[in-house]
């Protein structure tokens, strides 16, 4: 016999090919191949003690406050740890319990499925005031830039005519339309909309309808104006809504949240309900990196992005060259490619499906190497 410590991020199914378990056994054991963490905020002592015993009975574990077992802490926090298989059994037990554990049972049954591959969204801005000067184009050079991005691997192209950097002011519908109309017409004339999905980063209905009439397939709405979802229904396109605290003109320098994840979760829940009532089904969620969040907020959202997978909708992340990188490593916008690559890789690993970036070629190369590494499991 020989023994090897292999990477615990190895593809379980691929490793099992070298072992040849039964099909039924493979399906069962796959649910035991990963430990999940569920943080529970404000669990009462009776619920914690019941859950502790139920968790132990299925092989899972609950980390509780040191005084919970004695009933001294009426409410505290806890960490539930277990495999998917253990959580399936535990959910059946908790749905029979009181003290709020029925709600936990529902949560344990939610799907947190991560995407199998990322989709790259290239960013081009046909204005003179977007925060990254390298993303700015005009009608003359814009088509070549867009064609290059598609050739490099972009599945989406996000066109913006208006800057949304902190402190920016909206230029008005007439000016926005003046900026975008010629290049959109040229994209349509050259049938580029058949080679990639085009998105317009706008909240103006007139500009959006013009783009959708010319083959665009996504509304990228930073304001999350649910009325725009009616356009998505009319044109059978995707509607991406973003969370933002306040607006670009008055985003706080030191934004406050009582509970960051919970507030954004409730925001999405409310918006999704309204959008679906309009009849829109193709919804994409964007937590809004940099929009009314501190640097720490941004990292927390990327690290715990998996939470928002319970909506069973694609997640879009755009951290490309943003100031969160400068906060942790002083750098000019032109120097933030390495930080952008790192944040986007982590976002994808934690559940993001669409990666919005100014640097398509570099991201395509990174994800190609990431995919290759994931596919390397055993050495024979």
Protein backbone atom coordinates (compact mmCIF):
# COMPACT_ATOMS: atom_id res chain seq x y z
CA UNK A 1 0.00 0.00 0.00
CA UNK A 2 0.96 3.61 -0.66
CA UNK A 3 -0.56 6.71 0.91
CA UNK A 4 -0.96 10.18 -0.60
CA UNK A 5 -2.41 13.37 0.90
CA UNK A 6 -4.28 14.88 -2.05
CA UNK A 7 -5.86 18.31 -2.38
CA UNK A 8 -9.31 18.39 -0.74
CA UNK A 9 -10.54 20.60 -3.58
CA UNK A 10 -10.01 17.75 -6.04
CA UNK A 11 -12.96 16.81 -8.22
CA UNK A 12 -14.66 14.06 -6.22
CA UNK A 13 -16.19 12.39 -9.26
CA UNK A 14 -12.91 12.43 -11.19
CA UNK A 15 -11.00 10.90 -8.27
CA UNK A 16 -13.64 8.21 -7.93
CA UNK A 17 -13.08 7.15 -11.53
CA UNK A 18 -9.76 5.71 -10.37
CA UNK A 19 -11.65 3.75 -7.71
CA UNK A 20 -14.74 2.55 -9.62
CA UNK A 21 -17.40 2.60 -6.88
CA UNK A 22 -20.97 1.65 -7.70
CA UNK A 23 -23.13 4.33 -9.33
CA UNK A 24 -25.45 4.38 -6.34
CA UNK A 25 -22.53 4.55 -3.95
CA UNK A 26 -20.94 7.42 -5.86
CA UNK A 27 -24.16 9.45 -5.74
CA UNK A 28 -24.53 8.85 -2.01
CA UNK A 29 -20.92 9.57 -1.11
CA UNK A 30 -20.76 12.76 -3.20
CA UNK A 31 -23.12 14.31 -0.65
CA UNK A 32 -20.54 13.51 2.04
CA UNK A 33 -17.55 15.01 0.25
CA UNK A 34 -17.94 18.60 1.46
CA UNK A 35 -18.51 20.23 4.85
CA UNK A 36 -21.03 23.11 4.90
CA UNK A 37 -21.03 25.95 7.42
CA UNK A 38 -24.37 27.55 8.41
CA UNK A 39 -24.06 30.54 10.76
CA UNK A 40 -27.15 30.98 12.93
CA UNK A 41 -27.78 34.46 14.33
CA UNK A 42 -29.94 34.68 17.45
CA UNK A 43 -30.81 31.10 18.33
CA UNK A 44 -32.56 30.54 21.65
CA UNK A 45 -31.15 28.13 24.22
CA UNK A 46 -33.98 25.56 23.85
CA UNK A 47 -33.54 25.50 20.07
CA UNK A 48 -29.75 25.33 20.36
CA UNK A 49 -29.85 22.39 22.75
CA UNK A 50 -32.34 20.47 20.60
CA UNK A 51 -30.36 21.20 17.44
CA UNK A 52 -27.10 20.20 19.12
CA UNK A 53 -28.42 16.75 19.96
CA UNK A 54 -30.07 16.27 16.57
CA UNK A 55 -26.89 17.35 14.78
CA UNK A 56 -24.75 14.93 16.78
CA UNK A 57 -27.21 12.12 16.09
CA UNK A 58 -26.60 12.42 12.32
CA UNK A 59 -22.86 13.01 12.57
CA UNK A 60 -22.99 16.79 12.16
CA UNK A 61 -21.94 19.37 14.77
CA UNK A 62 -23.25 22.59 16.28
CA UNK A 63 -20.87 25.09 17.87
CA UNK A 64 -22.72 27.00 20.57
CA UNK A 65 -22.09 29.62 23.24
CA UNK A 66 -20.32 28.15 26.27
CA UNK A 67 -23.33 28.82 28.50
CA UNK A 68 -26.04 27.54 26.15
CA UNK A 69 -26.15 24.05 27.62
CA UNK A 70 -26.87 25.58 31.05
CA UNK A 71 -29.63 27.78 29.67
CA UNK A 72 -27.88 30.96 30.82
CA UNK A 73 -27.83 32.52 27.37
CA UNK A 74 -31.40 33.17 26.23
CA UNK A 75 -30.20 34.00 22.72
CA UNK A 76 -26.80 33.59 21.11
CA UNK A 77 -25.11 32.65 17.86
CA UNK A 78 -24.17 29.20 16.62
CA UNK A 79 -22.36 27.46 13.78
CA UNK A 80 -23.87 24.37 12.20
CA UNK A 81 -21.39 22.14 10.37
CA UNK A 82 -22.21 19.10 8.28
CA UNK A 83 -22.26 17.41 4.91
CA UNK A 84 -25.10 17.70 2.42
CA UNK A 85 -26.15 14.15 3.33
CA UNK A 86 -26.26 15.00 7.03
CA UNK A 87 -28.21 18.19 6.37
CA UNK A 88 -30.83 16.26 4.39
CA UNK A 89 -31.51 14.04 7.40
CA UNK A 90 -31.28 16.92 9.85
CA UNK A 91 -33.84 18.95 7.88
CA UNK A 92 -36.38 16.14 8.30
CA UNK A 93 -35.78 16.15 12.05
CA UNK A 94 -36.00 19.93 12.47
CA UNK A 95 -39.23 20.34 10.53
CA UNK A 96 -40.89 18.48 13.42
CA UNK A 97 -39.42 20.80 16.07
CA UNK A 98 -40.56 24.10 17.55
CA UNK A 99 -38.55 27.15 18.68
CA UNK A 100 -37.98 28.34 15.11
CA UNK A 101 -36.28 25.15 13.96
CA UNK A 102 -38.93 24.58 11.27
CA UNK A 103 -37.49 27.65 9.50
CA UNK A 104 -34.02 26.16 9.75
CA UNK A 105 -35.36 22.99 8.14
CA UNK A 106 -36.59 25.04 5.16
CA UNK A 107 -33.21 26.77 4.88
CA UNK A 108 -31.32 23.48 4.92
CA UNK A 109 -33.37 22.31 1.95
CA UNK A 110 -32.43 25.30 -0.21
CA UNK A 111 -30.23 24.79 -3.24
CA UNK A 112 -26.81 26.49 -3.19
CA UNK A 113 -25.61 25.17 -6.53
CA UNK A 114 -22.54 26.88 -7.96
CA UNK A 115 -22.08 27.46 -11.70
CA UNK A 116 -19.88 24.98 -13.56
CA UNK A 117 -18.17 27.66 -15.64
CA UNK A 118 -17.90 31.46 -15.58
CA UNK A 119 -19.18 33.77 -18.29
CA UNK A 120 -17.02 36.81 -18.99
CA UNK A 121 -18.68 40.18 -19.57
CA UNK A 122 -16.42 42.72 -21.29
CA UNK A 123 -16.91 46.37 -20.36
CA UNK A 124 -16.81 49.25 -22.85
CA UNK A 125 -17.83 52.81 -22.03
CA UNK A 126 -18.71 55.31 -24.72
CA UNK A 127 -18.23 58.37 -22.52
CA UNK A 128 -15.40 60.56 -21.26
CA UNK A 129 -15.96 60.21 -17.53
CA UNK A 130 -16.01 56.50 -16.61
CA UNK A 131 -13.56 55.80 -13.78
CA UNK A 132 -11.27 53.55 -15.88
CA UNK A 133 -9.95 55.56 -18.82
CA UNK A 134 -8.82 52.36 -20.57
CA UNK A 135 -12.46 51.26 -20.96
CA UNK A 136 -13.49 54.40 -22.86
CA UNK A 137 -14.25 54.08 -26.55
CA UNK A 138 -15.78 56.10 -29.35
CA UNK A 139 -17.79 55.02 -32.36
CA UNK A 140 -14.65 54.83 -34.49
CA UNK A 141 -12.48 52.59 -32.28
CA UNK A 142 -15.25 50.91 -30.30
CA UNK A 143 -16.15 48.22 -32.83
CA UNK A 144 -12.55 46.98 -33.01
CA UNK A 145 -12.42 46.83 -29.19
CA UNK A 146 -15.68 44.92 -29.02
CA UNK A 147 -14.64 42.45 -31.73
CA UNK A 148 -11.37 41.84 -29.91
CA UNK A 149 -13.21 41.12 -26.65
CA UNK A 150 -15.50 38.63 -28.37
CA UNK A 151 -12.48 36.95 -29.97
CA UNK A 152 -10.78 36.79 -26.57
CA UNK A 153 -13.71 34.95 -25.00
CA UNK A 154 -16.31 37.46 -23.83
CA UNK A 155 -19.80 35.96 -23.85
CA UNK A 156 -21.33 39.31 -22.85
CA UNK A 157 -20.44 42.86 -23.83
CA UNK A 158 -21.70 45.55 -21.45
CA UNK A 159 -21.96 48.96 -23.11
CA UNK A 160 -22.27 52.05 -20.96
CA UNK A 161 -22.95 55.62 -22.01
CA UNK A 162 -23.10 57.02 -18.48
CA UNK A 163 -20.57 56.89 -15.66
CA UNK A 164 -21.79 55.51 -12.33
CA UNK A 165 -18.59 56.17 -10.37
CA UNK A 166 -19.12 57.68 -6.87
CA UNK A 167 -19.93 61.35 -7.18
CA UNK A 168 -21.00 61.17 -10.83
CA UNK A 169 -24.14 62.93 -12.04
CA UNK A 170 -26.51 61.64 -14.70
CA UNK A 171 -25.99 63.42 -18.03
CA UNK A 172 -29.65 63.17 -19.04
CA UNK A 173 -31.58 61.00 -21.50
CA UNK A 174 -30.82 63.10 -24.57
CA UNK A 175 -27.06 63.10 -23.99
CA UNK A 176 -26.98 59.40 -23.11
CA UNK A 177 -28.84 58.56 -26.31
CA UNK A 178 -26.53 60.77 -28.37
CA UNK A 179 -23.55 58.83 -27.03
CA UNK A 180 -24.86 55.32 -27.61
CA UNK A 181 -27.05 55.44 -30.71
CA UNK A 182 -24.38 55.29 -33.45
CA UNK A 183 -22.31 52.49 -31.96
CA UNK A 184 -25.42 50.42 -31.20
CA UNK A 185 -26.54 50.86 -34.80
CA UNK A 186 -23.11 49.74 -36.01
CA UNK A 187 -23.09 46.71 -33.69
CA UNK A 188 -26.45 45.73 -35.18
CA UNK A 189 -25.37 46.39 -38.78
CA UNK A 190 -22.33 44.13 -38.35
CA UNK A 191 -24.43 41.41 -36.65
CA UNK A 192 -22.10 41.43 -33.64
CA UNK A 193 -25.16 40.86 -31.44
CA UNK A 194 -25.23 37.34 -32.87
CA UNK A 195 -21.69 36.62 -31.62
CA UNK A 196 -22.20 37.68 -27.99
CA UNK A 197 -24.94 38.86 -25.67
CA UNK A 198 -24.98 42.66 -25.54
CA UNK A 199 -26.05 44.50 -22.42
CA UNK A 200 -26.77 48.19 -21.96
CA UNK A 201 -25.73 49.62 -18.61
CA UNK A 202 -28.57 52.10 -18.30
CA UNK A 203 -31.68 52.98 -16.34
CA UNK A 204 -33.30 55.08 -19.08
CA UNK A 205 -36.24 53.34 -20.75
CA UNK A 206 -35.85 55.15 -24.08
CA UNK A 207 -32.16 54.25 -24.44
CA UNK A 208 -32.80 50.69 -23.32
CA UNK A 209 -35.61 50.16 -25.80
CA UNK A 210 -33.42 51.44 -28.61
CA UNK A 211 -30.71 48.93 -27.65
CA UNK A 212 -33.19 46.07 -27.34
CA UNK A 213 -34.63 46.93 -30.74
CA UNK A 214 -31.08 46.48 -32.07
CA UNK A 215 -30.38 42.99 -30.75
CA UNK A 216 -29.28 43.66 -27.16
CA UNK A 217 -30.21 40.86 -24.77
CA UNK A 218 -29.72 42.29 -21.27
CA UNK A 219 -30.81 45.31 -19.26
CA UNK A 220 -28.09 46.11 -16.73
CA UNK A 221 -29.90 48.34 -14.25
CA UNK A 222 -27.88 49.65 -11.31
CA UNK A 223 -30.99 51.36 -9.90
CA UNK A 224 -33.04 48.13 -9.71
CA UNK A 225 -36.11 49.94 -11.06
CA UNK A 226 -38.51 47.02 -11.31
CA UNK A 227 -40.63 48.87 -13.88
CA UNK A 228 -37.84 48.27 -16.38
CA UNK A 229 -38.50 44.53 -16.03
CA UNK A 230 -41.53 45.09 -18.27
CA UNK A 231 -39.09 45.83 -21.09
CA UNK A 232 -37.31 42.57 -20.35
CA UNK A 233 -40.63 40.75 -20.73
CA UNK A 234 -41.43 42.56 -23.98
CA UNK A 235 -38.08 41.65 -25.53
CA UNK A 236 -37.58 38.31 -23.75
CA UNK A 237 -34.21 39.43 -22.43
CA UNK A 238 -32.31 39.23 -19.14
CA UNK A 239 -32.81 41.82 -16.42
CA UNK A 240 -29.84 42.40 -14.10
CA UNK A 241 -30.63 44.33 -10.93
CA UNK A 242 -28.01 45.67 -8.58
CA UNK A 243 -28.00 46.56 -4.89
CA UNK A 244 -26.82 50.09 -4.18
CA UNK A 245 -27.01 52.20 -1.07
CA UNK A 246 -28.32 55.63 -2.11
CA UNK A 247 -27.13 56.70 -5.62
CA UNK A 248 -23.85 57.48 -7.42
CA UNK A 249 -24.33 61.18 -6.68
CA UNK A 250 -24.55 60.72 -2.90
CA UNK A 251 -23.09 57.37 -1.96
CA UNK A 252 -21.83 57.58 1.63
CA UNK A 253 -18.10 57.48 2.26
CA UNK A 254 -18.73 55.42 5.39
CA UNK A 255 -21.91 53.40 4.70
CA UNK A 256 -23.55 51.59 7.62
CA UNK A 257 -25.47 48.32 7.69
CA UNK A 258 -27.07 46.66 10.70
CA UNK A 259 -26.68 43.31 8.95
CA UNK A 260 -25.02 43.47 5.53
CA UNK A 261 -25.98 40.03 4.20
CA UNK A 262 -29.52 40.13 5.60
CA UNK A 263 -30.26 43.62 4.23
CA UNK A 264 -29.14 42.69 0.72
CA UNK A 265 -30.95 39.36 0.95
CA UNK A 266 -34.22 41.10 1.83
CA UNK A 267 -33.62 43.67 -0.93
CA UNK A 268 -33.26 40.88 -3.51
CA UNK A 269 -36.26 38.98 -2.14
CA UNK A 270 -38.51 42.04 -2.45
CA UNK A 271 -37.28 42.98 -5.92
CA UNK A 272 -37.54 39.42 -7.26
CA UNK A 273 -41.13 39.14 -6.03
CA UNK A 274 -42.08 42.38 -7.81
CA UNK A 275 -40.20 41.48 -11.01
CA UNK A 276 -41.76 38.03 -11.24
CA UNK A 277 -45.20 39.59 -10.73
CA UNK A 278 -44.55 41.58 -13.91
CA UNK A 279 -43.79 38.32 -15.69
CA UNK A 280 -40.01 38.57 -15.98
CA UNK A 281 -38.20 35.26 -15.45
CA UNK A 282 -34.67 35.94 -16.71
CA UNK A 283 -33.29 37.68 -13.62
CA UNK A 284 -29.63 38.26 -12.74
CA UNK A 285 -28.47 39.47 -9.31
CA UNK A 286 -25.60 41.89 -8.64
CA UNK A 287 -24.61 42.65 -5.02
CA UNK A 288 -23.09 45.96 -6.17
CA UNK A 289 -19.40 45.84 -5.32
CA UNK A 290 -18.31 49.41 -4.55
CA UNK A 291 -21.80 50.91 -4.58
CA UNK A 292 -22.36 52.21 -1.06
CA UNK A 293 -20.07 49.64 0.61
CA UNK A 294 -16.79 49.91 2.44
CA UNK A 295 -13.78 47.89 1.30
CA UNK A 296 -14.51 45.37 4.06
CA UNK A 297 -18.17 45.12 2.99
CA UNK A 298 -17.03 44.32 -0.55
CA UNK A 299 -14.73 41.50 0.58
CA UNK A 300 -17.38 40.10 2.92
CA UNK A 301 -19.89 39.95 0.05
CA UNK A 302 -17.45 38.16 -2.24
CA UNK A 303 -16.39 35.73 0.51
CA UNK A 304 -19.96 34.84 1.47
CA UNK A 305 -21.50 35.18 -2.00
CA UNK A 306 -22.66 31.56 -1.82
CA UNK A 307 -25.49 32.65 0.49
CA UNK A 308 -27.28 34.38 -2.39
CA UNK A 309 -27.31 31.21 -4.48
CA UNK A 310 -30.46 30.21 -2.59
CA UNK A 311 -32.42 32.44 -4.98
CA UNK A 312 -31.41 29.99 -7.75
CA UNK A 313 -30.53 32.87 -10.08
CA UNK A 314 -27.28 33.81 -11.83
CA UNK A 315 -25.03 36.19 -9.88
CA UNK A 316 -23.06 38.94 -11.63
CA UNK A 317 -19.95 40.40 -9.99
CA UNK A 318 -18.02 43.47 -11.10
CA UNK A 319 -14.96 44.28 -8.99
CA UNK A 320 -12.78 45.20 -11.96
CA UNK A 321 -10.06 47.70 -10.97
CA UNK A 322 -12.25 49.18 -8.22
CA UNK A 323 -11.07 51.13 -5.18
CA UNK A 324 -11.44 48.12 -2.85
CA UNK A 325 -8.10 46.98 -4.30
CA UNK A 326 -6.48 50.33 -3.59
CA UNK A 327 -7.71 50.15 0.01
CA UNK A 328 -5.69 47.02 0.71
CA UNK A 329 -2.79 47.70 -1.69
CA UNK A 330 -2.15 51.27 -2.77
CA UNK A 331 -2.38 51.36 -6.55
CA UNK A 332 -3.56 53.43 -9.47
CA UNK A 333 -6.50 52.19 -11.55
CA UNK A 334 -4.09 51.10 -14.27
CA UNK A 335 -2.21 48.92 -11.76
CA UNK A 336 -5.15 46.93 -10.38
CA UNK A 337 -5.33 43.99 -12.80
CA UNK A 338 -3.81 41.44 -10.34
CA UNK A 339 -6.28 42.42 -7.62
CA UNK A 340 -9.16 42.27 -10.08
CA UNK A 341 -8.17 38.76 -11.17
CA UNK A 342 -7.98 37.58 -7.55
CA UNK A 343 -11.34 39.03 -6.52
CA UNK A 344 -13.07 37.65 -9.60
CA UNK A 345 -11.58 34.19 -9.15
CA UNK A 346 -12.80 34.12 -5.55
CA UNK A 347 -16.21 35.44 -6.62
CA UNK A 348 -16.53 32.63 -9.17
CA UNK A 349 -15.41 30.01 -6.65
CA UNK A 350 -18.06 31.35 -4.26
CA UNK A 351 -20.93 31.32 -6.74
CA UNK A 352 -20.68 34.14 -9.30
CA UNK A 353 -21.56 33.15 -12.84
CA UNK A 354 -21.07 36.39 -14.81
CA UNK A 355 -17.78 38.23 -14.31
CA UNK A 356 -17.86 41.87 -15.47
CA UNK A 357 -14.36 43.03 -16.37
CA UNK A 358 -12.36 45.56 -18.35
CA UNK A 359 -9.71 42.90 -19.06
CA UNK A 360 -11.23 40.05 -21.06
CA UNK A 361 -8.06 38.40 -22.36
CA UNK A 362 -6.43 38.19 -18.93
CA UNK A 363 -9.58 36.82 -17.32
CA UNK A 364 -10.10 34.24 -20.05
CA UNK A 365 -6.52 33.04 -19.53
CA UNK A 366 -6.96 32.89 -15.75
CA UNK A 367 -10.18 30.89 -15.97
CA UNK A 368 -8.64 28.55 -18.55
CA UNK A 369 -5.84 27.76 -16.10
CA UNK A 370 -8.30 27.44 -13.23
CA UNK A 371 -10.36 24.98 -15.26
CA UNK A 372 -7.23 23.03 -16.21
CA UNK A 373 -6.17 22.81 -12.57
CA UNK A 374 -9.61 21.62 -11.51
CA UNK A 375 -9.39 18.86 -14.11
CA UNK A 376 -6.02 17.66 -12.80
CA UNK A 377 -6.76 15.20 -10.04
CA UNK A 378 -4.67 12.03 -9.99
CA UNK A 379 -1.25 11.56 -11.56
CA UNK A 380 -1.90 8.20 -13.19
